[in-house]
């Protein structure tokens, strides 16, 4: 049987690239899409499931259903998230909670049931979380306060999970800079697009660390910045 990978946010620009690359690397992919949104056409190695990852109960049911269906989970790639521009002086509590819910809780809600169903397994599996460049360069975060705060929580989540030997996971944080997507090009039409990171490049790194090449990595942060 093929190895099973869960890819959340699988229909987005990065999610689509990651899904394709994981299939090329030999994984059967179960991808999540937002409920009510049209799913891409399923293929032999890709299945799409609508899941509200902000709902811990719905997410746990999804993870348990996957484990019951396939009897295994071999990798998890958490790509669901959101972005906002704000400063510490103008941001409000609702805006902060929106970013924390989209970026932190969607990851936590996914990781918790995965670790529960794998508690009796011997092998550790790779779990990929997405950080953000301003987390590691606070000077660049003055206009992305709530976003950076939520991504800081994601990075700390990875550290805490990796520090507990009982967790059957090797949590790896990827940290892209600006990703070359149609949306980002439209938002920044005068930028130098060639400096940005291609989704396909990020996907290749994710597939690598989810495979044999990444099994010996620990406490890994991959900064994928390109020239931006």
N, C-alpha and C. Protein backbone atom coordinates (compact mmCIF):
# COMPACT_ATOMS: atom_id res chain seq x y z
N UNK A 1 0.84 -1.20 0.00
CA UNK A 1 0.00 0.00 0.00
C UNK A 1 0.87 1.25 0.00
N UNK A 2 0.43 2.28 -0.71
CA UNK A 2 1.15 3.54 -0.75
C UNK A 2 1.18 4.18 0.63
N UNK A 3 2.19 4.98 0.86
CA UNK A 3 2.23 5.80 2.07
C UNK A 3 1.12 6.85 1.98
N UNK A 4 0.55 7.19 3.13
CA UNK A 4 -0.57 8.11 3.18
C UNK A 4 -0.11 9.46 3.73
N UNK A 5 -0.38 10.51 2.97
CA UNK A 5 -0.07 11.87 3.41
C UNK A 5 -1.34 12.69 3.47
N UNK A 6 -1.51 13.43 4.55
CA UNK A 6 -2.59 14.40 4.66
C UNK A 6 -2.02 15.77 4.33
N UNK A 7 -2.66 16.46 3.41
CA UNK A 7 -2.24 17.82 3.04
C UNK A 7 -3.44 18.74 3.25
N UNK A 8 -3.36 19.61 4.25
CA UNK A 8 -4.46 20.55 4.47
C UNK A 8 -4.25 21.76 3.56
N UNK A 9 -5.37 22.35 3.16
CA UNK A 9 -5.26 23.46 2.22
C UNK A 9 -4.75 23.02 0.87
N UNK A 10 -5.17 21.86 0.43
CA UNK A 10 -4.57 21.22 -0.75
C UNK A 10 -4.97 21.86 -2.07
N UNK A 11 -6.00 22.72 -2.08
CA UNK A 11 -6.46 23.30 -3.34
C UNK A 11 -5.86 24.67 -3.62
N UNK A 12 -5.07 25.21 -2.68
CA UNK A 12 -4.46 26.52 -2.89
C UNK A 12 -3.26 26.44 -3.82
N UNK A 13 -2.63 27.58 -4.05
CA UNK A 13 -1.47 27.61 -4.94
C UNK A 13 -0.35 26.71 -4.44
N UNK A 14 0.01 26.87 -3.17
CA UNK A 14 1.05 26.02 -2.60
C UNK A 14 0.53 24.60 -2.40
N UNK A 15 -0.70 24.47 -1.91
CA UNK A 15 -1.26 23.15 -1.66
C UNK A 15 -1.32 22.29 -2.90
N UNK A 16 -1.68 22.88 -4.03
CA UNK A 16 -1.74 22.12 -5.29
C UNK A 16 -0.35 21.63 -5.69
N UNK A 17 0.65 22.51 -5.53
CA UNK A 17 2.01 22.11 -5.88
C UNK A 17 2.52 21.01 -4.95
N UNK A 18 2.22 21.14 -3.66
CA UNK A 18 2.65 20.12 -2.69
C UNK A 18 1.97 18.79 -2.98
N UNK A 19 0.68 18.84 -3.26
CA UNK A 19 -0.05 17.61 -3.55
C UNK A 19 0.55 16.88 -4.75
N UNK A 20 0.83 17.62 -5.81
CA UNK A 20 1.44 16.99 -6.99
C UNK A 20 2.80 16.39 -6.66
N UNK A 21 3.60 17.11 -5.89
CA UNK A 21 4.96 16.63 -5.58
C UNK A 21 4.91 15.42 -4.66
N UNK A 22 3.99 15.40 -3.73
CA UNK A 22 3.86 14.25 -2.83
C UNK A 22 3.45 13.01 -3.61
N UNK A 23 2.56 13.17 -4.57
CA UNK A 23 2.17 12.04 -5.42
C UNK A 23 3.37 11.54 -6.22
N UNK A 24 4.16 12.45 -6.76
CA UNK A 24 5.36 12.06 -7.50
C UNK A 24 6.33 11.30 -6.61
N UNK A 25 6.30 11.60 -5.30
CA UNK A 25 7.20 10.94 -4.35
C UNK A 25 6.62 9.63 -3.81
N UNK A 26 5.47 9.21 -4.33
CA UNK A 26 4.94 7.91 -3.97
C UNK A 26 3.86 7.89 -2.91
N UNK A 27 3.36 9.06 -2.54
CA UNK A 27 2.32 9.13 -1.52
C UNK A 27 0.93 9.07 -2.14
N UNK A 28 0.01 8.45 -1.43
CA UNK A 28 -1.43 8.66 -1.63
C UNK A 28 -1.80 9.86 -0.79
N UNK A 29 -2.39 10.89 -1.40
CA UNK A 29 -2.67 12.14 -0.71
C UNK A 29 -4.16 12.26 -0.40
N UNK A 30 -4.45 12.58 0.85
CA UNK A 30 -5.79 12.98 1.24
C UNK A 30 -5.71 14.47 1.53
N UNK A 31 -6.34 15.27 0.67
CA UNK A 31 -6.26 16.72 0.80
C UNK A 31 -7.53 17.31 1.36
N UNK A 32 -7.40 18.34 2.18
CA UNK A 32 -8.59 19.01 2.70
C UNK A 32 -8.90 20.25 1.87
N UNK A 33 -10.19 20.52 1.72
CA UNK A 33 -10.66 21.76 1.11
C UNK A 33 -11.66 22.39 2.06
N UNK A 34 -11.86 23.69 1.89
CA UNK A 34 -12.82 24.40 2.72
C UNK A 34 -14.24 23.95 2.37
N UNK A 35 -15.07 23.63 3.35
CA UNK A 35 -16.45 23.23 3.05
C UNK A 35 -17.18 24.28 2.22
N UNK A 36 -17.92 23.82 1.22
CA UNK A 36 -18.65 24.72 0.34
C UNK A 36 -17.88 25.17 -0.88
N UNK A 37 -16.56 24.90 -0.91
CA UNK A 37 -15.75 25.27 -2.06
C UNK A 37 -15.65 24.08 -3.01
N UNK A 38 -15.51 24.39 -4.29
CA UNK A 38 -15.37 23.33 -5.28
C UNK A 38 -14.00 22.67 -5.13
N UNK A 39 -14.00 21.36 -5.17
CA UNK A 39 -12.76 20.59 -5.08
C UNK A 39 -12.17 20.38 -6.46
N UNK A 40 -10.86 20.36 -6.57
CA UNK A 40 -10.26 19.93 -7.84
C UNK A 40 -10.69 18.50 -8.16
N UNK A 41 -10.54 18.14 -9.39
CA UNK A 41 -10.92 16.78 -9.79
C UNK A 41 -9.98 15.77 -9.14
N UNK A 42 -10.56 14.77 -8.50
CA UNK A 42 -9.76 13.74 -7.85
C UNK A 42 -9.05 12.89 -8.89
N UNK A 43 -7.91 12.35 -8.49
CA UNK A 43 -7.15 11.45 -9.36
C UNK A 43 -6.88 10.17 -8.58
N UNK A 44 -6.18 9.25 -9.22
CA UNK A 44 -5.95 7.94 -8.60
C UNK A 44 -5.25 8.06 -7.26
N UNK A 45 -4.34 9.00 -7.12
CA UNK A 45 -3.55 9.11 -5.91
C UNK A 45 -3.94 10.31 -5.05
N UNK A 46 -5.06 10.97 -5.38
CA UNK A 46 -5.47 12.16 -4.64
C UNK A 46 -6.96 12.07 -4.33
N UNK A 47 -7.30 12.26 -3.05
CA UNK A 47 -8.69 12.33 -2.62
C UNK A 47 -8.88 13.64 -1.86
N UNK A 48 -9.93 14.38 -2.17
CA UNK A 48 -10.20 15.65 -1.50
C UNK A 48 -11.39 15.50 -0.55
N UNK A 49 -11.24 16.07 0.65
CA UNK A 49 -12.29 16.00 1.66
C UNK A 49 -12.58 17.40 2.19
N UNK A 50 -13.85 17.81 2.24
CA UNK A 50 -14.18 19.10 2.86
C UNK A 50 -14.12 18.98 4.38
N UNK A 51 -13.33 19.85 5.01
CA UNK A 51 -13.17 19.83 6.46
C UNK A 51 -13.01 21.26 6.96
N UNK A 52 -13.74 21.61 8.00
CA UNK A 52 -13.54 22.88 8.67
C UNK A 52 -12.48 22.67 9.75
N UNK A 53 -11.25 23.02 9.43
CA UNK A 53 -10.14 22.78 10.36
C UNK A 53 -10.16 23.71 11.57
N UNK A 54 -11.02 24.71 11.54
CA UNK A 54 -11.17 25.55 12.73
C UNK A 54 -12.09 24.90 13.76
N UNK A 55 -12.73 23.81 13.38
CA UNK A 55 -13.60 23.05 14.26
C UNK A 55 -12.84 21.82 14.75
N UNK A 56 -12.43 21.79 16.02
CA UNK A 56 -11.62 20.65 16.49
C UNK A 56 -12.35 19.32 16.39
N UNK A 57 -13.65 19.31 16.64
CA UNK A 57 -14.40 18.06 16.56
C UNK A 57 -14.46 17.52 15.14
N UNK A 58 -14.74 18.40 14.18
CA UNK A 58 -14.80 17.98 12.78
C UNK A 58 -13.44 17.51 12.30
N UNK A 59 -12.39 18.18 12.75
CA UNK A 59 -11.05 17.79 12.33
C UNK A 59 -10.66 16.44 12.92
N UNK A 60 -11.00 16.22 14.17
CA UNK A 60 -10.70 14.93 14.80
C UNK A 60 -11.44 13.79 14.09
N UNK A 61 -12.70 14.02 13.75
CA UNK A 61 -13.47 13.00 13.02
C UNK A 61 -12.81 12.70 11.68
N UNK A 62 -12.37 13.73 10.98
CA UNK A 62 -11.68 13.55 9.70
C UNK A 62 -10.43 12.70 9.86
N UNK A 63 -9.60 13.02 10.85
CA UNK A 63 -8.36 12.26 11.06
C UNK A 63 -8.67 10.81 11.40
N UNK A 64 -9.63 10.58 12.26
CA UNK A 64 -9.99 9.21 12.63
C UNK A 64 -10.53 8.44 11.43
N UNK A 65 -11.31 9.09 10.59
CA UNK A 65 -11.83 8.43 9.40
C UNK A 65 -10.71 8.03 8.45
N UNK A 66 -9.73 8.91 8.29
CA UNK A 66 -8.59 8.59 7.43
C UNK A 66 -7.82 7.40 7.98
N UNK A 67 -7.59 7.41 9.30
CA UNK A 67 -6.82 6.31 9.89
C UNK A 67 -7.59 4.99 9.81
N UNK A 68 -8.90 5.05 9.99
CA UNK A 68 -9.70 3.83 9.88
C UNK A 68 -9.72 3.31 8.45
N UNK A 69 -9.74 4.21 7.48
CA UNK A 69 -9.80 3.79 6.08
C UNK A 69 -8.49 3.19 5.59
N UNK A 70 -7.37 3.80 5.97
CA UNK A 70 -6.07 3.40 5.42
C UNK A 70 -5.20 2.65 6.42
N UNK A 71 -5.55 2.69 7.69
CA UNK A 71 -4.78 2.01 8.75
C UNK A 71 -3.38 2.59 8.94
N UNK A 72 -3.16 3.77 8.41
CA UNK A 72 -1.85 4.39 8.55
C UNK A 72 -1.93 5.87 8.18
N UNK A 73 -1.01 6.65 8.73
CA UNK A 73 -0.76 8.02 8.31
C UNK A 73 0.76 8.18 8.33
N UNK A 74 1.33 8.57 7.21
CA UNK A 74 2.79 8.58 7.10
C UNK A 74 3.39 9.98 7.04
N UNK A 75 2.58 10.98 6.78
CA UNK A 75 3.06 12.36 6.75
C UNK A 75 1.87 13.29 6.82
N UNK A 76 2.09 14.45 7.42
CA UNK A 76 1.04 15.47 7.52
C UNK A 76 1.65 16.82 7.15
N UNK A 77 1.00 17.52 6.23
CA UNK A 77 1.47 18.82 5.78
C UNK A 77 0.35 19.83 6.04
N UNK A 78 0.58 20.73 6.97
CA UNK A 78 -0.46 21.69 7.39
C UNK A 78 -0.22 23.03 6.69
N UNK A 79 -1.03 23.31 5.68
CA UNK A 79 -0.84 24.51 4.87
C UNK A 79 -1.94 25.54 5.03
N UNK A 80 -3.01 25.20 5.73
CA UNK A 80 -4.10 26.17 5.89
C UNK A 80 -3.63 27.35 6.73
N UNK A 81 -4.00 28.54 6.31
CA UNK A 81 -3.62 29.73 7.07
C UNK A 81 -4.16 30.98 6.44
N UNK A 82 -3.78 32.11 7.00
CA UNK A 82 -4.24 33.39 6.48
C UNK A 82 -3.21 34.48 6.76
N UNK A 83 -3.41 35.65 6.15
CA UNK A 83 -2.47 36.77 6.27
C UNK A 83 -3.24 38.04 6.50
N UNK A 84 -2.66 38.96 7.26
CA UNK A 84 -3.28 40.26 7.51
C UNK A 84 -2.19 41.30 7.75
N UNK A 85 -2.50 42.52 7.36
CA UNK A 85 -1.61 43.66 7.63
C UNK A 85 -2.19 44.47 8.78
N UNK A 86 -1.40 44.68 9.83
CA UNK A 86 -1.82 45.55 10.93
C UNK A 86 -0.60 45.83 11.80
N UNK A 87 -0.72 46.85 12.62
CA UNK A 87 0.36 47.20 13.55
C UNK A 87 -0.12 47.02 14.98
N UNK A 88 0.82 47.01 15.90
CA UNK A 88 0.47 46.80 17.30
C UNK A 88 -0.42 47.93 17.83
N UNK A 89 -0.32 49.11 17.26
CA UNK A 89 -1.10 50.24 17.74
C UNK A 89 -2.52 50.27 17.19
N UNK A 90 -2.76 49.59 16.07
CA UNK A 90 -4.10 49.64 15.47
C UNK A 90 -4.86 48.33 15.56
N UNK A 91 -4.18 47.24 15.86
CA UNK A 91 -4.83 45.94 15.84
C UNK A 91 -5.81 45.80 17.00
N UNK A 92 -6.87 45.03 16.79
CA UNK A 92 -7.82 44.77 17.86
C UNK A 92 -7.85 43.27 18.17
N UNK A 93 -8.55 42.94 19.25
CA UNK A 93 -8.55 41.55 19.71
C UNK A 93 -9.17 40.61 18.67
N UNK A 94 -10.21 41.04 18.00
CA UNK A 94 -10.85 40.18 17.00
C UNK A 94 -9.89 39.85 15.86
N UNK A 95 -9.12 40.84 15.44
CA UNK A 95 -8.16 40.61 14.36
C UNK A 95 -7.08 39.63 14.79
N UNK A 96 -6.61 39.77 16.02
CA UNK A 96 -5.60 38.85 16.53
C UNK A 96 -6.15 37.43 16.60
N UNK A 97 -7.36 37.29 17.11
CA UNK A 97 -7.95 35.96 17.24
C UNK A 97 -8.21 35.32 15.88
N UNK A 98 -8.56 36.14 14.89
CA UNK A 98 -8.77 35.60 13.55
C UNK A 98 -7.48 34.97 13.03
N UNK A 99 -6.35 35.67 13.18
CA UNK A 99 -5.08 35.14 12.70
C UNK A 99 -4.66 33.90 13.50
N UNK A 100 -4.85 33.94 14.82
CA UNK A 100 -4.50 32.79 15.65
C UNK A 100 -5.34 31.57 15.27
N UNK A 101 -6.63 31.80 15.01
CA UNK A 101 -7.50 30.69 14.63
C UNK A 101 -7.08 30.11 13.29
N UNK A 102 -6.83 30.97 12.31
CA UNK A 102 -6.48 30.49 10.97
C UNK A 102 -5.11 29.81 10.93
N UNK A 103 -4.16 30.38 11.63
CA UNK A 103 -2.78 29.89 11.51
C UNK A 103 -2.37 28.89 12.59
N UNK A 104 -2.78 29.15 13.83
CA UNK A 104 -2.36 28.27 14.92
C UNK A 104 -3.36 27.15 15.17
N UNK A 105 -4.62 27.50 15.37
CA UNK A 105 -5.57 26.46 15.76
C UNK A 105 -5.85 25.46 14.65
N UNK A 106 -5.81 25.86 13.40
CA UNK A 106 -5.98 24.87 12.33
C UNK A 106 -4.85 23.85 12.36
N UNK A 107 -3.64 24.30 12.70
CA UNK A 107 -2.51 23.37 12.82
C UNK A 107 -2.67 22.48 14.05
N UNK A 108 -2.97 23.11 15.20
CA UNK A 108 -3.13 22.34 16.44
C UNK A 108 -4.27 21.33 16.31
N UNK A 109 -5.39 21.74 15.73
CA UNK A 109 -6.53 20.84 15.58
C UNK A 109 -6.21 19.64 14.71
N UNK A 110 -5.30 19.82 13.79
CA UNK A 110 -4.88 18.71 12.91
C UNK A 110 -3.88 17.81 13.62
N UNK A 111 -2.91 18.42 14.27
CA UNK A 111 -1.81 17.65 14.87
C UNK A 111 -2.28 16.81 16.05
N UNK A 112 -3.13 17.35 16.89
CA UNK A 112 -3.55 16.62 18.10
C UNK A 112 -4.14 15.24 17.80
N UNK A 113 -5.16 15.12 16.94
CA UNK A 113 -5.70 13.78 16.69
C UNK A 113 -4.75 12.87 15.95
N UNK A 114 -3.88 13.44 15.13
CA UNK A 114 -2.87 12.61 14.45
C UNK A 114 -1.97 11.95 15.48
N UNK A 115 -1.50 12.73 16.45
CA UNK A 115 -0.63 12.17 17.47
C UNK A 115 -1.36 11.15 18.34
N UNK A 116 -2.65 11.37 18.55
CA UNK A 116 -3.42 10.40 19.35
C UNK A 116 -3.53 9.06 18.63
N UNK A 117 -3.86 9.07 17.35
CA UNK A 117 -4.05 7.80 16.65
C UNK A 117 -2.71 7.09 16.41
N UNK A 118 -1.62 7.83 16.46
CA UNK A 118 -0.31 7.23 16.23
C UNK A 118 0.43 6.92 17.53
N UNK A 119 -0.22 7.10 18.66
CA UNK A 119 0.45 6.98 19.96
C UNK A 119 1.12 5.63 20.17
N UNK A 120 0.56 4.56 19.60
CA UNK A 120 1.11 3.22 19.80
C UNK A 120 2.08 2.79 18.71
N UNK A 121 2.33 3.67 17.76
CA UNK A 121 3.24 3.34 16.67
C UNK A 121 4.70 3.55 17.09
N UNK A 122 5.59 2.82 16.47
CA UNK A 122 7.01 2.95 16.81
C UNK A 122 7.69 4.06 16.03
N UNK A 123 7.31 4.21 14.77
CA UNK A 123 7.99 5.17 13.91
C UNK A 123 7.43 6.58 14.09
N UNK A 124 8.31 7.56 14.03
CA UNK A 124 7.90 8.95 14.03
C UNK A 124 7.57 9.36 12.60
N UNK A 125 6.56 10.17 12.42
CA UNK A 125 6.22 10.64 11.09
C UNK A 125 6.54 12.12 10.96
N UNK A 126 6.82 12.59 9.74
CA UNK A 126 7.05 14.03 9.55
C UNK A 126 5.73 14.79 9.57
N UNK A 127 5.71 15.88 10.30
CA UNK A 127 4.60 16.82 10.29
C UNK A 127 5.17 18.18 9.90
N UNK A 128 4.62 18.76 8.83
CA UNK A 128 5.12 20.03 8.32
C UNK A 128 4.18 21.15 8.75
N UNK A 129 4.74 22.17 9.39
CA UNK A 129 4.01 23.38 9.73
C UNK A 129 4.62 24.55 8.97
N UNK A 130 3.86 25.63 8.83
CA UNK A 130 4.33 26.79 8.07
C UNK A 130 4.55 27.97 9.00
N UNK A 131 5.79 28.43 9.07
CA UNK A 131 6.12 29.63 9.82
C UNK A 131 6.06 30.86 8.94
N UNK A 132 6.75 31.91 9.34
CA UNK A 132 6.78 33.14 8.56
C UNK A 132 8.09 33.86 8.81
N UNK A 133 8.61 34.50 7.77
CA UNK A 133 9.89 35.18 7.87
C UNK A 133 9.95 36.23 8.99
N UNK A 134 8.89 37.04 9.21
CA UNK A 134 8.96 38.04 10.29
C UNK A 134 9.14 37.45 11.68
N UNK A 135 8.80 36.17 11.87
CA UNK A 135 9.03 35.54 13.17
C UNK A 135 10.52 35.57 13.52
N UNK A 136 11.36 35.45 12.50
CA UNK A 136 12.80 35.40 12.71
C UNK A 136 13.48 36.73 12.40
N UNK A 137 12.68 37.74 12.07
CA UNK A 137 13.20 39.07 11.79
C UNK A 137 12.15 40.07 12.25
N UNK A 138 12.14 40.35 13.54
CA UNK A 138 11.07 41.14 14.14
C UNK A 138 10.96 42.53 13.53
N UNK A 139 12.06 43.04 13.00
CA UNK A 139 12.01 44.36 12.38
C UNK A 139 11.10 44.41 11.18
N UNK A 140 10.87 43.26 10.57
CA UNK A 140 10.00 43.19 9.39
C UNK A 140 8.55 42.96 9.77
N UNK A 141 8.25 42.90 11.06
CA UNK A 141 6.91 42.52 11.51
C UNK A 141 6.05 43.70 11.96
N UNK A 142 6.54 44.93 11.82
CA UNK A 142 5.81 46.05 12.40
C UNK A 142 4.46 46.28 11.76
N UNK A 143 4.28 45.84 10.51
CA UNK A 143 2.97 46.00 9.85
C UNK A 143 2.26 44.66 9.66
N UNK A 144 2.76 43.62 10.31
CA UNK A 144 2.10 42.30 10.24
C UNK A 144 2.01 41.73 11.66
N UNK A 145 1.55 42.54 12.58
CA UNK A 145 1.61 42.17 13.99
C UNK A 145 0.83 40.89 14.29
N UNK A 146 -0.46 40.86 13.98
CA UNK A 146 -1.28 39.70 14.35
C UNK A 146 -0.85 38.45 13.59
N UNK A 147 -0.48 38.62 12.34
CA UNK A 147 0.00 37.49 11.54
C UNK A 147 1.28 36.91 12.14
N UNK A 148 2.23 37.78 12.45
CA UNK A 148 3.51 37.33 13.00
C UNK A 148 3.31 36.68 14.37
N UNK A 149 2.43 37.26 15.18
CA UNK A 149 2.15 36.67 16.49
C UNK A 149 1.61 35.25 16.35
N UNK A 150 0.68 35.05 15.41
CA UNK A 150 0.10 33.72 15.23
C UNK A 150 1.13 32.73 14.70
N UNK A 151 2.01 33.19 13.81
CA UNK A 151 3.03 32.29 13.26
C UNK A 151 4.11 31.99 14.30
N UNK A 152 4.35 32.91 15.21
CA UNK A 152 5.27 32.64 16.33
C UNK A 152 4.73 31.49 17.17
N UNK A 153 3.42 31.46 17.36
CA UNK A 153 2.80 30.37 18.10
C UNK A 153 2.97 29.04 17.36
N UNK A 154 2.91 29.08 16.04
CA UNK A 154 3.11 27.86 15.25
C UNK A 154 4.53 27.34 15.43
N UNK A 155 5.50 28.23 15.37
CA UNK A 155 6.90 27.82 15.54
C UNK A 155 7.12 27.25 16.94
N UNK A 156 6.55 27.89 17.94
CA UNK A 156 6.69 27.38 19.31
C UNK A 156 5.98 26.04 19.48
N UNK A 157 4.86 25.85 18.81
CA UNK A 157 4.17 24.55 18.83
C UNK A 157 5.11 23.45 18.33
N UNK A 158 5.82 23.72 17.25
CA UNK A 158 6.76 22.72 16.72
C UNK A 158 7.85 22.41 17.74
N UNK A 159 8.39 23.44 18.38
CA UNK A 159 9.44 23.23 19.38
C UNK A 159 8.94 22.36 20.53
N UNK A 160 7.74 22.65 21.03
CA UNK A 160 7.21 21.91 22.16
C UNK A 160 6.89 20.47 21.80
N UNK A 161 6.37 20.25 20.60
CA UNK A 161 6.08 18.88 20.16
C UNK A 161 7.36 18.07 20.00
N UNK A 162 8.39 18.69 19.44
CA UNK A 162 9.65 17.99 19.25
C UNK A 162 10.37 17.71 20.56
N UNK A 163 10.08 18.50 21.57
CA UNK A 163 10.75 18.32 22.87
C UNK A 163 10.18 17.15 23.67
N UNK A 164 9.02 16.65 23.26
CA UNK A 164 8.38 15.56 23.98
C UNK A 164 8.62 14.25 23.23
N UNK A 165 9.46 13.35 23.76
CA UNK A 165 9.78 12.11 23.05
C UNK A 165 8.59 11.17 22.89
N UNK A 166 7.52 11.41 23.63
CA UNK A 166 6.34 10.56 23.50
C UNK A 166 5.58 10.82 22.20
N UNK A 167 5.77 12.01 21.64
CA UNK A 167 5.06 12.35 20.41
C UNK A 167 5.68 11.63 19.23
N UNK A 168 4.90 10.94 18.47
CA UNK A 168 5.39 10.17 17.32
C UNK A 168 5.45 11.06 16.08
N UNK A 169 6.19 12.15 16.22
CA UNK A 169 6.27 13.11 15.12
C UNK A 169 7.62 13.80 15.10
N UNK A 170 8.09 14.08 13.91
CA UNK A 170 9.24 14.94 13.69
C UNK A 170 8.69 16.19 13.02
N UNK A 171 8.50 17.25 13.82
CA UNK A 171 7.82 18.43 13.31
C UNK A 171 8.83 19.38 12.67
N UNK A 172 8.58 19.70 11.43
CA UNK A 172 9.47 20.53 10.63
C UNK A 172 8.72 21.80 10.24
N UNK A 173 9.35 22.94 10.42
CA UNK A 173 8.73 24.22 10.07
C UNK A 173 9.36 24.75 8.79
N UNK A 174 8.54 24.97 7.78
CA UNK A 174 9.04 25.64 6.58
C UNK A 174 8.72 27.12 6.71
N UNK A 175 9.65 27.96 6.28
CA UNK A 175 9.50 29.40 6.41
C UNK A 175 9.73 30.04 5.04
N UNK A 176 8.68 30.18 4.26
CA UNK A 176 8.86 30.84 2.96
C UNK A 176 8.85 32.36 3.10
N UNK A 177 9.52 33.02 2.16
CA UNK A 177 9.33 34.47 2.06
C UNK A 177 8.15 34.70 1.13
N UNK A 178 8.19 35.66 0.26
CA UNK A 178 7.05 35.91 -0.63
C UNK A 178 6.96 34.78 -1.66
N UNK A 179 5.78 34.17 -1.76
CA UNK A 179 5.57 33.08 -2.71
C UNK A 179 5.04 33.66 -4.01
N UNK A 180 5.57 33.19 -5.11
CA UNK A 180 5.17 33.68 -6.43
C UNK A 180 3.83 33.09 -6.83
N UNK A 181 2.76 33.80 -6.50
CA UNK A 181 1.40 33.38 -6.83
C UNK A 181 0.72 34.48 -7.62
N UNK A 182 -0.33 34.17 -8.36
CA UNK A 182 -1.07 35.21 -9.08
C UNK A 182 -1.60 36.30 -8.15
N UNK A 183 -2.03 35.91 -6.96
CA UNK A 183 -2.56 36.89 -6.02
C UNK A 183 -1.49 37.87 -5.56
N UNK A 184 -0.28 37.34 -5.26
CA UNK A 184 0.80 38.23 -4.83
C UNK A 184 1.29 39.11 -5.97
N UNK A 185 1.28 38.61 -7.18
CA UNK A 185 1.67 39.45 -8.32
C UNK A 185 0.69 40.58 -8.52
N UNK A 186 -0.60 40.27 -8.35
CA UNK A 186 -1.62 41.31 -8.50
C UNK A 186 -1.51 42.36 -7.40
N UNK A 187 -1.16 41.93 -6.19
CA UNK A 187 -1.05 42.85 -5.06
C UNK A 187 0.20 43.70 -5.12
N UNK A 188 1.26 43.18 -5.74
CA UNK A 188 2.55 43.90 -5.82
C UNK A 188 3.05 43.90 -7.26
N UNK A 189 2.34 44.59 -8.16
CA UNK A 189 2.66 44.49 -9.60
C UNK A 189 4.03 45.03 -9.98
N UNK A 190 4.63 45.86 -9.14
CA UNK A 190 5.93 46.45 -9.48
C UNK A 190 7.10 45.70 -8.86
N UNK A 191 6.83 44.59 -8.19
CA UNK A 191 7.89 43.82 -7.54
C UNK A 191 8.70 43.05 -8.57
N UNK A 192 9.86 42.59 -8.14
CA UNK A 192 10.70 41.75 -8.98
C UNK A 192 10.30 40.30 -8.73
N UNK A 193 9.42 39.76 -9.58
CA UNK A 193 8.85 38.44 -9.33
C UNK A 193 9.91 37.33 -9.31
N UNK A 194 10.99 37.53 -10.04
CA UNK A 194 12.01 36.48 -10.12
C UNK A 194 12.71 36.27 -8.78
N UNK A 195 12.59 37.23 -7.85
CA UNK A 195 13.20 37.08 -6.53
C UNK A 195 12.35 36.21 -5.61
N UNK A 196 11.10 36.03 -5.95
CA UNK A 196 10.18 35.30 -5.09
C UNK A 196 10.37 33.79 -5.22
N UNK A 197 9.82 33.08 -4.26
CA UNK A 197 9.95 31.62 -4.23
C UNK A 197 8.77 30.99 -4.96
N UNK A 198 9.07 30.07 -5.86
CA UNK A 198 8.02 29.37 -6.59
C UNK A 198 7.35 28.31 -5.69
N UNK A 199 6.04 28.15 -5.79
CA UNK A 199 5.39 27.09 -5.02
C UNK A 199 5.99 25.71 -5.28
N UNK A 200 6.41 25.48 -6.52
CA UNK A 200 7.00 24.18 -6.87
C UNK A 200 8.31 23.93 -6.13
N UNK A 201 9.08 25.01 -5.90
CA UNK A 201 10.33 24.87 -5.16
C UNK A 201 10.08 24.50 -3.71
N UNK A 202 9.10 25.16 -3.10
CA UNK A 202 8.74 24.83 -1.72
C UNK A 202 8.22 23.40 -1.64
N UNK A 203 7.40 23.01 -2.62
CA UNK A 203 6.83 21.66 -2.64
C UNK A 203 7.91 20.59 -2.71
N UNK A 204 8.95 20.84 -3.48
CA UNK A 204 10.05 19.88 -3.59
C UNK A 204 10.73 19.66 -2.24
N UNK A 205 10.93 20.76 -1.50
CA UNK A 205 11.57 20.63 -0.18
C UNK A 205 10.67 19.86 0.79
N UNK A 206 9.38 20.14 0.74
CA UNK A 206 8.45 19.45 1.63
C UNK A 206 8.43 17.95 1.33
N UNK A 207 8.35 17.60 0.06
CA UNK A 207 8.34 16.19 -0.31
C UNK A 207 9.63 15.50 0.11
N UNK A 208 10.75 16.21 0.02
CA UNK A 208 12.03 15.63 0.41
C UNK A 208 12.05 15.31 1.90
N UNK A 209 11.65 16.27 2.74
CA UNK A 209 11.72 16.03 4.18
C UNK A 209 10.64 15.05 4.64
N UNK A 210 9.61 14.84 3.84
CA UNK A 210 8.60 13.84 4.17
C UNK A 210 9.01 12.43 3.75
N UNK A 211 10.06 12.34 2.95
CA UNK A 211 10.53 11.05 2.47
C UNK A 211 11.74 10.56 3.25
N UNK A 212 12.44 9.61 2.65
CA UNK A 212 13.60 9.02 3.30
C UNK A 212 14.69 10.05 3.59
N UNK A 213 14.78 11.05 2.75
CA UNK A 213 15.83 12.04 2.91
C UNK A 213 15.70 12.87 4.17
N UNK A 214 14.51 12.93 4.74
CA UNK A 214 14.32 13.76 5.92
C UNK A 214 14.18 13.02 7.22
N UNK A 215 14.32 11.70 7.19
CA UNK A 215 13.99 10.92 8.40
C UNK A 215 14.96 11.16 9.56
N UNK A 216 16.17 11.63 9.29
CA UNK A 216 17.12 11.87 10.37
C UNK A 216 17.14 13.32 10.84
N UNK A 217 16.33 14.17 10.25
CA UNK A 217 16.29 15.57 10.65
C UNK A 217 15.55 15.73 11.97
N UNK A 218 15.98 16.68 12.78
CA UNK A 218 15.33 16.95 14.05
C UNK A 218 15.30 18.47 14.30
N UNK A 219 14.21 18.94 14.87
CA UNK A 219 14.06 20.36 15.22
C UNK A 219 14.41 21.26 14.03
N UNK A 220 13.86 20.92 12.90
CA UNK A 220 14.27 21.55 11.65
C UNK A 220 13.42 22.76 11.31
N UNK A 221 14.09 23.85 10.95
CA UNK A 221 13.44 25.02 10.38
C UNK A 221 14.07 25.25 9.02
N UNK A 222 13.25 25.18 7.97
CA UNK A 222 13.75 25.38 6.61
C UNK A 222 13.35 26.77 6.14
N UNK A 223 14.31 27.65 6.01
CA UNK A 223 14.05 29.02 5.52
C UNK A 223 14.19 29.02 4.01
N UNK A 224 13.07 29.22 3.33
CA UNK A 224 13.04 29.14 1.87
C UNK A 224 12.74 30.54 1.38
N UNK A 225 13.79 31.35 1.24
CA UNK A 225 13.61 32.77 1.00
C UNK A 225 13.84 33.20 -0.45
N UNK A 226 14.51 32.39 -1.26
CA UNK A 226 14.87 32.86 -2.59
C UNK A 226 15.75 34.09 -2.45
N UNK A 227 15.42 35.15 -3.21
CA UNK A 227 16.17 36.41 -3.10
C UNK A 227 15.34 37.51 -2.46
N UNK A 228 14.26 37.13 -1.80
CA UNK A 228 13.38 38.16 -1.22
C UNK A 228 13.44 38.13 0.31
